[in-house]
Amino acid sequence: MRTQASTMENKENMIFALIRRFNAAVLKYILTAKLRTIGATILGALGGLSLVSNIIPSAMEYSGIIDSFSARWELGGFAVYTMIIWGFGARSTQKIGSKIHGAIILGAVGCASALIVAGVGINTELYTLMTAGGVALFYGAFGGLLIADAFRSPPVDENDSDAPTGCIGDLGIFRNLKK
């Protein structure tokens, strides 16, 4: 015998269906997040922050140009811009995935950003620019080697639908959640 459900049961079913759809959408978003790209960008941005807040001021102090506190004070306003530039550089390094090209890209980004911030923030003397540019070139090249190697995306085979794509959904703990 068939009976109709009360309106209260229908509302509960609608609420549960809405919650399930919302959970499925959130899970799909999380599973397709490209953590390698996000991680490389964040690590590159933090490298740019480190360059402005620690690497260049320490190099300036060791070479006798300016004390590190004054250098940090002068370069503090450029931290956000350096983080953005280094984030883009690290993202392109991750996308290419070659160690040598990564070292070249992030080394060039580091040298260019250091020359700009040191020239505008501290002074435009040749010794200051060479110190900042040389330290940043070395720091960026080493960072580019690491980021290009550690965060490169695994190869994707278009013919194999189960091939790894570099997404969080490829982790073993999420296999049961895929349809």
N, C-alpha and C. Protein backbone atom coordinates (compact mmCIF):
# COMPACT_ATOMS: atom_id res chain seq x y z
N MET A 1 0.83 -1.17 0.00
CA MET A 1 0.00 0.00 0.00
C MET A 1 0.88 1.24 0.00
N ARG A 2 0.58 2.17 -0.82
CA ARG A 2 1.35 3.40 -0.94
C ARG A 2 0.67 4.53 -0.18
N THR A 3 1.52 5.25 0.56
CA THR A 3 1.02 6.43 1.26
C THR A 3 1.91 7.60 0.93
N GLN A 4 1.34 8.75 0.96
CA GLN A 4 2.13 9.94 0.68
C GLN A 4 2.82 10.41 1.94
N ALA A 5 4.01 10.95 1.75
CA ALA A 5 4.75 11.48 2.89
C ALA A 5 4.17 12.83 3.28
N SER A 6 4.34 13.14 4.52
CA SER A 6 3.85 14.44 4.98
C SER A 6 4.75 15.54 4.45
N THR A 7 4.28 16.75 4.51
CA THR A 7 5.07 17.87 4.01
C THR A 7 6.35 18.06 4.83
N MET A 8 6.32 17.69 6.09
CA MET A 8 7.52 17.81 6.92
C MET A 8 8.62 16.88 6.43
N GLU A 9 8.25 15.65 6.06
CA GLU A 9 9.24 14.70 5.55
C GLU A 9 9.78 15.17 4.21
N ASN A 10 8.95 15.77 3.37
CA ASN A 10 9.41 16.28 2.08
C ASN A 10 10.41 17.42 2.28
N LYS A 11 10.16 18.29 3.26
CA LYS A 11 11.09 19.39 3.53
C LYS A 11 12.42 18.85 4.04
N GLU A 12 12.36 17.84 4.90
CA GLU A 12 13.61 17.24 5.39
C GLU A 12 14.39 16.62 4.26
N ASN A 13 13.72 15.94 3.36
CA ASN A 13 14.40 15.34 2.21
C ASN A 13 15.01 16.41 1.31
N MET A 14 14.30 17.52 1.14
CA MET A 14 14.83 18.61 0.33
C MET A 14 16.06 19.23 0.99
N ILE A 15 16.02 19.38 2.30
CA ILE A 15 17.17 19.94 3.01
C ILE A 15 18.37 19.01 2.90
N PHE A 16 18.14 17.70 3.09
CA PHE A 16 19.23 16.75 2.97
C PHE A 16 19.78 16.73 1.55
N ALA A 17 18.92 16.82 0.55
CA ALA A 17 19.38 16.85 -0.84
C ALA A 17 20.20 18.10 -1.11
N LEU A 18 19.78 19.23 -0.55
CA LEU A 18 20.51 20.47 -0.72
C LEU A 18 21.89 20.37 -0.07
N ILE A 19 21.95 19.80 1.13
CA ILE A 19 23.22 19.64 1.83
C ILE A 19 24.13 18.69 1.05
N ARG A 20 23.59 17.61 0.51
CA ARG A 20 24.39 16.67 -0.27
C ARG A 20 24.96 17.33 -1.53
N ARG A 21 24.13 18.14 -2.21
CA ARG A 21 24.60 18.84 -3.41
C ARG A 21 25.70 19.84 -3.06
N PHE A 22 25.52 20.55 -1.96
CA PHE A 22 26.54 21.50 -1.52
C PHE A 22 27.84 20.78 -1.18
N ASN A 23 27.75 19.68 -0.44
CA ASN A 23 28.94 18.91 -0.08
C ASN A 23 29.64 18.36 -1.32
N ALA A 24 28.87 17.90 -2.30
CA ALA A 24 29.45 17.39 -3.54
C ALA A 24 30.18 18.49 -4.30
N ALA A 25 29.61 19.70 -4.31
CA ALA A 25 30.27 20.81 -5.00
C ALA A 25 31.56 21.21 -4.31
N VAL A 26 31.55 21.26 -2.98
CA VAL A 26 32.76 21.60 -2.23
C VAL A 26 33.83 20.53 -2.44
N LEU A 27 33.43 19.26 -2.39
CA LEU A 27 34.37 18.17 -2.59
C LEU A 27 34.97 18.19 -3.99
N LYS A 28 34.15 18.50 -4.99
CA LYS A 28 34.66 18.58 -6.36
C LYS A 28 35.69 19.70 -6.49
N TYR A 29 35.40 20.85 -5.84
CA TYR A 29 36.34 21.97 -5.88
C TYR A 29 37.66 21.60 -5.21
N ILE A 30 37.57 20.93 -4.07
CA ILE A 30 38.79 20.56 -3.34
C ILE A 30 39.59 19.53 -4.12
N LEU A 31 38.91 18.57 -4.72
CA LEU A 31 39.62 17.51 -5.43
C LEU A 31 40.28 18.00 -6.71
N THR A 32 39.79 19.09 -7.29
CA THR A 32 40.41 19.58 -8.52
C THR A 32 41.43 20.69 -8.26
N ALA A 33 41.65 21.05 -7.00
CA ALA A 33 42.63 22.09 -6.68
C ALA A 33 44.03 21.60 -7.06
N LYS A 34 44.74 22.42 -7.74
CA LYS A 34 46.09 22.04 -8.16
C LYS A 34 47.07 22.52 -7.10
N LEU A 35 47.35 21.63 -6.17
CA LEU A 35 48.18 22.00 -5.03
C LEU A 35 49.62 22.30 -5.42
N ARG A 36 50.11 21.69 -6.47
CA ARG A 36 51.47 21.97 -6.89
C ARG A 36 51.60 23.42 -7.34
N THR A 37 50.63 23.89 -8.08
CA THR A 37 50.64 25.28 -8.55
C THR A 37 50.51 26.25 -7.38
N ILE A 38 49.58 25.97 -6.50
CA ILE A 38 49.36 26.84 -5.34
C ILE A 38 50.60 26.83 -4.44
N GLY A 39 51.14 25.66 -4.20
CA GLY A 39 52.33 25.55 -3.35
C GLY A 39 53.53 26.27 -3.93
N ALA A 40 53.75 26.13 -5.23
CA ALA A 40 54.88 26.81 -5.86
C ALA A 40 54.71 28.32 -5.81
N THR A 41 53.50 28.79 -6.04
CA THR A 41 53.25 30.23 -6.01
C THR A 41 53.46 30.80 -4.62
N ILE A 42 52.93 30.11 -3.61
CA ILE A 42 53.09 30.58 -2.23
C ILE A 42 54.55 30.53 -1.82
N LEU A 43 55.26 29.45 -2.16
CA LEU A 43 56.67 29.35 -1.81
C LEU A 43 57.49 30.43 -2.50
N GLY A 44 57.18 30.72 -3.76
CA GLY A 44 57.87 31.79 -4.47
C GLY A 44 57.60 33.15 -3.85
N ALA A 45 56.35 33.39 -3.47
CA ALA A 45 56.02 34.67 -2.84
C ALA A 45 56.74 34.82 -1.50
N LEU A 46 56.82 33.74 -0.74
CA LEU A 46 57.56 33.80 0.52
C LEU A 46 59.06 33.97 0.29
N GLY A 47 59.56 33.43 -0.81
CA GLY A 47 60.96 33.66 -1.17
C GLY A 47 61.22 35.13 -1.50
N GLY A 48 60.27 35.77 -2.18
CA GLY A 48 60.40 37.20 -2.46
C GLY A 48 60.36 38.03 -1.18
N LEU A 49 59.50 37.64 -0.25
CA LEU A 49 59.45 38.32 1.04
C LEU A 49 60.77 38.14 1.79
N SER A 50 61.30 36.95 1.75
CA SER A 50 62.58 36.67 2.42
C SER A 50 63.72 37.47 1.79
N LEU A 51 63.67 37.62 0.48
CA LEU A 51 64.71 38.38 -0.21
C LEU A 51 64.75 39.83 0.30
N VAL A 52 63.58 40.44 0.39
CA VAL A 52 63.52 41.85 0.78
C VAL A 52 63.75 42.03 2.28
N SER A 53 63.25 41.09 3.08
CA SER A 53 63.32 41.29 4.53
C SER A 53 64.59 40.75 5.17
N ASN A 54 65.29 39.83 4.50
CA ASN A 54 66.45 39.23 5.15
C ASN A 54 67.69 39.14 4.27
N ILE A 55 67.55 38.65 3.06
CA ILE A 55 68.72 38.36 2.23
C ILE A 55 69.45 39.64 1.82
N ILE A 56 68.73 40.57 1.21
CA ILE A 56 69.38 41.82 0.77
C ILE A 56 69.88 42.64 1.96
N PRO A 57 69.09 42.84 3.03
CA PRO A 57 69.64 43.60 4.17
C PRO A 57 70.86 42.96 4.80
N SER A 58 70.89 41.64 4.89
CA SER A 58 72.07 40.97 5.45
C SER A 58 73.28 41.16 4.56
N ALA A 59 73.08 41.06 3.25
CA ALA A 59 74.19 41.27 2.32
C ALA A 59 74.69 42.71 2.37
N MET A 60 73.78 43.64 2.53
CA MET A 60 74.18 45.04 2.64
C MET A 60 74.98 45.30 3.91
N GLU A 61 74.59 44.66 4.99
CA GLU A 61 75.32 44.84 6.25
C GLU A 61 76.69 44.18 6.17
N TYR A 62 76.77 42.98 5.62
CA TYR A 62 78.07 42.29 5.54
C TYR A 62 79.05 43.00 4.61
N SER A 63 78.52 43.66 3.59
CA SER A 63 79.42 44.38 2.68
C SER A 63 79.73 45.80 3.17
N GLY A 64 79.09 46.23 4.24
CA GLY A 64 79.40 47.52 4.84
C GLY A 64 78.71 48.70 4.18
N ILE A 65 77.69 48.45 3.40
CA ILE A 65 77.00 49.55 2.72
C ILE A 65 76.06 50.28 3.67
N ILE A 66 75.25 49.51 4.39
CA ILE A 66 74.25 50.08 5.28
C ILE A 66 73.94 49.02 6.34
N ASP A 67 73.51 49.45 7.52
CA ASP A 67 73.19 48.44 8.53
C ASP A 67 71.88 47.76 8.17
N SER A 68 71.68 46.55 8.70
CA SER A 68 70.54 45.73 8.25
C SER A 68 69.20 46.33 8.67
N PHE A 69 69.14 47.00 9.83
CA PHE A 69 67.88 47.60 10.24
C PHE A 69 67.46 48.70 9.28
N SER A 70 68.39 49.54 8.91
CA SER A 70 68.08 50.62 7.97
C SER A 70 67.70 50.06 6.60
N ALA A 71 68.39 49.01 6.18
CA ALA A 71 68.06 48.39 4.89
C ALA A 71 66.66 47.78 4.93
N ARG A 72 66.33 47.13 6.03
CA ARG A 72 64.98 46.56 6.17
C ARG A 72 63.93 47.68 6.17
N TRP A 73 64.24 48.76 6.83
CA TRP A 73 63.32 49.89 6.89
C TRP A 73 63.11 50.50 5.49
N GLU A 74 64.18 50.62 4.74
CA GLU A 74 64.09 51.21 3.41
C GLU A 74 63.38 50.28 2.41
N LEU A 75 63.58 48.95 2.56
CA LEU A 75 63.02 48.00 1.60
C LEU A 75 61.64 47.47 2.01
N GLY A 76 61.17 47.82 3.20
CA GLY A 76 59.92 47.26 3.70
C GLY A 76 58.71 47.56 2.83
N GLY A 77 58.69 48.70 2.19
CA GLY A 77 57.56 49.06 1.34
C GLY A 77 57.49 48.30 0.04
N PHE A 78 58.55 47.61 -0.31
CA PHE A 78 58.58 46.86 -1.57
C PHE A 78 58.28 45.38 -1.39
N ALA A 79 57.98 44.96 -0.18
CA ALA A 79 57.79 43.53 0.09
C ALA A 79 56.62 42.95 -0.69
N VAL A 80 55.51 43.65 -0.73
CA VAL A 80 54.32 43.13 -1.43
C VAL A 80 54.59 42.99 -2.92
N TYR A 81 55.23 43.98 -3.51
CA TYR A 81 55.51 43.92 -4.94
C TYR A 81 56.49 42.79 -5.27
N THR A 82 57.48 42.63 -4.42
CA THR A 82 58.43 41.54 -4.63
C THR A 82 57.76 40.19 -4.47
N MET A 83 56.85 40.08 -3.53
CA MET A 83 56.12 38.82 -3.35
C MET A 83 55.30 38.49 -4.59
N ILE A 84 54.65 39.48 -5.17
CA ILE A 84 53.85 39.25 -6.37
C ILE A 84 54.72 38.82 -7.54
N ILE A 85 55.82 39.53 -7.75
CA ILE A 85 56.72 39.20 -8.86
C ILE A 85 57.31 37.80 -8.68
N TRP A 86 57.75 37.49 -7.48
CA TRP A 86 58.33 36.17 -7.23
C TRP A 86 57.28 35.07 -7.31
N GLY A 87 56.05 35.36 -6.94
CA GLY A 87 54.97 34.37 -7.08
C GLY A 87 54.74 34.01 -8.54
N PHE A 88 54.70 35.03 -9.40
CA PHE A 88 54.55 34.76 -10.84
C PHE A 88 55.76 34.01 -11.39
N GLY A 89 56.94 34.39 -10.95
CA GLY A 89 58.15 33.69 -11.41
C GLY A 89 58.17 32.23 -10.97
N ALA A 90 57.77 31.97 -9.74
CA ALA A 90 57.74 30.59 -9.26
C ALA A 90 56.66 29.79 -9.96
N ARG A 91 55.55 30.43 -10.28
CA ARG A 91 54.48 29.73 -11.01
C ARG A 91 54.95 29.34 -12.40
N SER A 92 55.65 30.23 -13.08
CA SER A 92 56.15 29.88 -14.41
C SER A 92 57.25 28.83 -14.32
N THR A 93 58.05 28.89 -13.27
CA THR A 93 59.07 27.88 -13.06
C THR A 93 58.44 26.51 -12.85
N GLN A 94 57.38 26.46 -12.05
CA GLN A 94 56.67 25.21 -11.80
C GLN A 94 56.03 24.69 -13.07
N LYS A 95 55.48 25.58 -13.86
CA LYS A 95 54.81 25.17 -15.10
C LYS A 95 55.80 24.56 -16.09
N ILE A 96 57.00 25.14 -16.19
CA ILE A 96 58.00 24.61 -17.11
C ILE A 96 58.55 23.29 -16.59
N GLY A 97 58.90 23.22 -15.32
CA GLY A 97 59.33 21.98 -14.70
C GLY A 97 60.77 21.57 -14.95
N SER A 98 61.55 22.36 -15.63
CA SER A 98 62.95 22.06 -15.88
C SER A 98 63.82 22.77 -14.85
N LYS A 99 64.79 22.05 -14.29
CA LYS A 99 65.65 22.65 -13.27
C LYS A 99 66.45 23.82 -13.81
N ILE A 100 67.03 23.65 -14.97
CA ILE A 100 67.88 24.70 -15.54
C ILE A 100 67.05 25.92 -15.92
N HIS A 101 65.93 25.69 -16.57
CA HIS A 101 65.07 26.82 -16.92
C HIS A 101 64.49 27.48 -15.68
N GLY A 102 64.19 26.69 -14.66
CA GLY A 102 63.70 27.26 -13.41
C GLY A 102 64.74 28.14 -12.74
N ALA A 103 66.00 27.69 -12.76
CA ALA A 103 67.07 28.50 -12.18
C ALA A 103 67.25 29.80 -12.96
N ILE A 104 67.15 29.72 -14.28
CA ILE A 104 67.30 30.91 -15.10
C ILE A 104 66.15 31.89 -14.85
N ILE A 105 64.93 31.37 -14.83
CA ILE A 105 63.76 32.24 -14.67
C ILE A 105 63.76 32.91 -13.31
N LEU A 106 63.86 32.13 -12.25
CA LEU A 106 63.77 32.72 -10.92
C LEU A 106 65.03 33.51 -10.57
N GLY A 107 66.17 33.13 -11.13
CA GLY A 107 67.38 33.94 -10.94
C GLY A 107 67.24 35.31 -11.60
N ALA A 108 66.68 35.33 -12.81
CA ALA A 108 66.46 36.61 -13.49
C ALA A 108 65.42 37.45 -12.77
N VAL A 109 64.36 36.81 -12.30
CA VAL A 109 63.34 37.53 -11.53
C VAL A 109 63.94 38.11 -10.26
N GLY A 110 64.77 37.32 -9.58
CA GLY A 110 65.41 37.79 -8.35
C GLY A 110 66.35 38.94 -8.61
N CYS A 111 67.17 38.82 -9.64
CA CYS A 111 68.13 39.87 -9.94
C CYS A 111 67.42 41.17 -10.33
N ALA A 112 66.41 41.06 -11.19
CA ALA A 112 65.68 42.25 -11.62
C ALA A 112 64.96 42.92 -10.46
N SER A 113 64.29 42.12 -9.64
CA SER A 113 63.56 42.71 -8.52
C SER A 113 64.52 43.33 -7.50
N ALA A 114 65.65 42.69 -7.27
CA ALA A 114 66.62 43.25 -6.32
C ALA A 114 67.24 44.54 -6.84
N LEU A 115 67.54 44.59 -8.12
CA LEU A 115 68.09 45.82 -8.69
C LEU A 115 67.10 46.97 -8.57
N ILE A 116 65.83 46.69 -8.81
CA ILE A 116 64.82 47.74 -8.74
C ILE A 116 64.63 48.21 -7.30
N VAL A 117 64.43 47.27 -6.37
CA VAL A 117 64.14 47.69 -5.00
C VAL A 117 65.37 48.29 -4.33
N ALA A 118 66.56 47.79 -4.63
CA ALA A 118 67.76 48.38 -4.03
C ALA A 118 68.05 49.74 -4.63
N GLY A 119 67.83 49.88 -5.93
CA GLY A 119 68.06 51.18 -6.57
C GLY A 119 67.09 52.24 -6.10
N VAL A 120 65.84 51.87 -5.95
CA VAL A 120 64.83 52.85 -5.51
C VAL A 120 64.87 53.02 -3.99
N GLY A 121 65.04 51.91 -3.26
CA GLY A 121 64.95 51.97 -1.81
C GLY A 121 66.20 52.44 -1.11
N ILE A 122 67.37 51.99 -1.55
CA ILE A 122 68.60 52.31 -0.82
C ILE A 122 69.37 53.41 -1.55
N ASN A 123 70.06 53.06 -2.63
CA ASN A 123 70.72 54.06 -3.47
C ASN A 123 71.12 53.39 -4.78
N THR A 124 71.59 54.20 -5.71
CA THR A 124 71.92 53.69 -7.04
C THR A 124 73.42 53.56 -7.28
N GLU A 125 74.20 53.47 -6.23
CA GLU A 125 75.63 53.26 -6.40
C GLU A 125 75.88 51.87 -6.98
N LEU A 126 76.92 51.76 -7.76
CA LEU A 126 77.22 50.51 -8.46
C LEU A 126 77.46 49.36 -7.49
N TYR A 127 78.19 49.62 -6.42
CA TYR A 127 78.51 48.57 -5.44
C TYR A 127 77.23 48.05 -4.76
N THR A 128 76.32 48.94 -4.47
CA THR A 128 75.04 48.54 -3.85
C THR A 128 74.23 47.69 -4.81
N LEU A 129 74.13 48.12 -6.05
CA LEU A 129 73.36 47.38 -7.04
C LEU A 129 73.98 46.02 -7.35
N MET A 130 75.32 45.97 -7.42
CA MET A 130 75.98 44.69 -7.69
C MET A 130 75.80 43.72 -6.54
N THR A 131 75.87 44.23 -5.31
CA THR A 131 75.68 43.36 -4.14
C THR A 131 74.27 42.81 -4.12
N ALA A 132 73.28 43.67 -4.26
CA ALA A 132 71.89 43.24 -4.21
C ALA A 132 71.57 42.31 -5.38
N GLY A 133 72.00 42.68 -6.58
CA GLY A 133 71.73 41.85 -7.75
C GLY A 133 72.41 40.50 -7.70
N GLY A 134 73.66 40.47 -7.26
CA GLY A 134 74.39 39.20 -7.19
C GLY A 134 73.81 38.24 -6.17
N VAL A 135 73.48 38.77 -5.00
CA VAL A 135 72.89 37.92 -3.96
C VAL A 135 71.52 37.41 -4.40
N ALA A 136 70.72 38.27 -5.00
CA ALA A 136 69.39 37.86 -5.44
C ALA A 136 69.46 36.89 -6.62
N LEU A 137 70.45 37.06 -7.48
CA LEU A 137 70.62 36.12 -8.59
C LEU A 137 70.92 34.72 -8.07
N PHE A 138 71.83 34.63 -7.13
CA PHE A 138 72.17 33.34 -6.54
C PHE A 138 70.98 32.75 -5.79
N TYR A 139 70.32 33.58 -4.99
CA TYR A 139 69.17 33.13 -4.19
C TYR A 139 68.03 32.67 -5.09
N GLY A 140 67.74 33.42 -6.15
CA GLY A 140 66.68 33.05 -7.08
C GLY A 140 67.02 31.81 -7.89
N ALA A 141 68.28 31.68 -8.30
CA ALA A 141 68.67 30.49 -9.07
C ALA A 141 68.55 29.23 -8.23
N PHE A 142 68.97 29.31 -6.99
CA PHE A 142 68.86 28.15 -6.11
C PHE A 142 67.39 27.83 -5.83
N GLY A 143 66.58 28.87 -5.59
CA GLY A 143 65.15 28.66 -5.38
C GLY A 143 64.47 28.11 -6.62
N GLY A 144 64.87 28.56 -7.79
CA GLY A 144 64.31 28.05 -9.04
C GLY A 144 64.62 26.58 -9.25
N LEU A 145 65.84 26.17 -8.88
CA LEU A 145 66.18 24.74 -8.96
C LEU A 145 65.26 23.91 -8.08
N LEU A 146 65.06 24.38 -6.87
CA LEU A 146 64.23 23.63 -5.92
C LEU A 146 62.77 23.59 -6.34
N ILE A 147 62.22 24.74 -6.70
CA ILE A 147 60.80 24.80 -7.04
C ILE A 147 60.51 24.02 -8.31
N ALA A 148 61.36 24.15 -9.33
CA ALA A 148 61.12 23.44 -10.58
C ALA A 148 61.19 21.93 -10.38
N ASP A 149 62.05 21.48 -9.50
CA ASP A 149 62.18 20.04 -9.28
C ASP A 149 61.10 19.50 -8.36
N ALA A 150 60.81 20.21 -7.29
CA ALA A 150 59.89 19.69 -6.29
C ALA A 150 58.43 19.83 -6.69
N PHE A 151 58.07 20.86 -7.44
CA PHE A 151 56.67 21.13 -7.73
C PHE A 151 56.27 20.87 -9.17
N ARG A 152 57.13 20.27 -9.97
CA ARG A 152 56.74 20.04 -11.36
C ARG A 152 55.56 19.09 -11.41
N SER A 153 54.68 19.32 -12.37
CA SER A 153 53.50 18.49 -12.52
C SER A 153 53.88 17.17 -13.16
N PRO A 154 53.26 16.09 -12.72
CA PRO A 154 53.54 14.81 -13.36
C PRO A 154 52.98 14.80 -14.78
N PRO A 155 53.53 13.97 -15.65
CA PRO A 155 53.03 13.94 -17.03
C PRO A 155 51.58 13.46 -17.08
N VAL A 156 50.84 14.04 -17.99
CA VAL A 156 49.44 13.69 -18.14
C VAL A 156 49.27 12.95 -19.47
N ASP A 157 48.62 11.81 -19.41
CA ASP A 157 48.33 11.03 -20.61
C ASP A 157 46.85 11.22 -20.94
N GLU A 158 46.55 11.87 -22.07
CA GLU A 158 45.16 12.12 -22.43
C GLU A 158 44.40 10.85 -22.74
N ASN A 159 45.09 9.79 -23.14
CA ASN A 159 44.42 8.54 -23.48
C ASN A 159 44.02 7.74 -22.25
N ASP A 160 44.68 7.96 -21.14
CA ASP A 160 44.40 7.23 -19.91
C ASP A 160 43.69 8.16 -18.94
N SER A 161 42.42 7.88 -18.65
CA SER A 161 41.65 8.77 -17.77
C SER A 161 42.08 8.65 -16.31
N ASP A 162 42.78 7.59 -15.95
CA ASP A 162 43.24 7.41 -14.57
C ASP A 162 44.66 7.91 -14.34
N ALA A 163 45.26 8.56 -15.34
CA ALA A 163 46.63 9.07 -15.21
C ALA A 163 46.66 10.22 -14.20
N PRO A 164 47.75 10.34 -13.46
CA PRO A 164 47.83 11.43 -12.48
C PRO A 164 47.87 12.80 -13.16
N THR A 165 47.20 13.77 -12.55
CA THR A 165 47.12 15.10 -13.13
C THR A 165 47.72 16.16 -12.24
N GLY A 166 48.24 15.80 -11.09
CA GLY A 166 48.82 16.78 -10.20
C GLY A 166 47.80 17.45 -9.31
N CYS A 167 46.61 16.86 -9.17
CA CYS A 167 45.56 17.43 -8.34
C CYS A 167 45.51 16.70 -7.00
N ILE A 168 44.91 17.34 -6.03
CA ILE A 168 44.77 16.71 -4.72
C ILE A 168 43.90 15.46 -4.79
N GLY A 169 43.00 15.41 -5.73
CA GLY A 169 42.13 14.26 -5.87
C GLY A 169 42.86 12.99 -6.28
N ASP A 170 44.12 13.11 -6.67
CA ASP A 170 44.89 11.94 -7.06
C ASP A 170 45.51 11.23 -5.87
N LEU A 171 45.41 11.79 -4.68
CA LEU A 171 45.94 11.13 -3.51
C LEU A 171 45.13 9.88 -3.20
N GLY A 172 45.78 8.88 -2.65
CA GLY A 172 45.12 7.61 -2.40
C GLY A 172 43.94 7.68 -1.46
N ILE A 173 43.95 8.60 -0.53
CA ILE A 173 42.86 8.66 0.45
C ILE A 173 41.55 9.14 -0.20
N PHE A 174 41.62 9.71 -1.39
CA PHE A 174 40.41 10.21 -2.03
C PHE A 174 39.86 9.28 -3.11
N ARG A 175 40.44 8.10 -3.27
CA ARG A 175 39.98 7.19 -4.33
C ARG A 175 38.54 6.77 -4.14
N ASN A 176 38.11 6.58 -2.91
CA ASN A 176 36.73 6.13 -2.67
C ASN A 176 35.72 7.23 -2.92
N LEU A 177 36.15 8.48 -2.98
CA LEU A 177 35.22 9.58 -3.18
C LEU A 177 34.95 9.87 -4.65
N LYS A 178 35.78 9.35 -5.53
CA LYS A 178 35.58 9.58 -6.97
C LYS A 178 34.49 8.66 -7.48
N LYS A 179 33.75 9.15 -8.44
CA LYS A 179 32.67 8.35 -9.03
C LYS A 179 33.17 7.59 -10.23
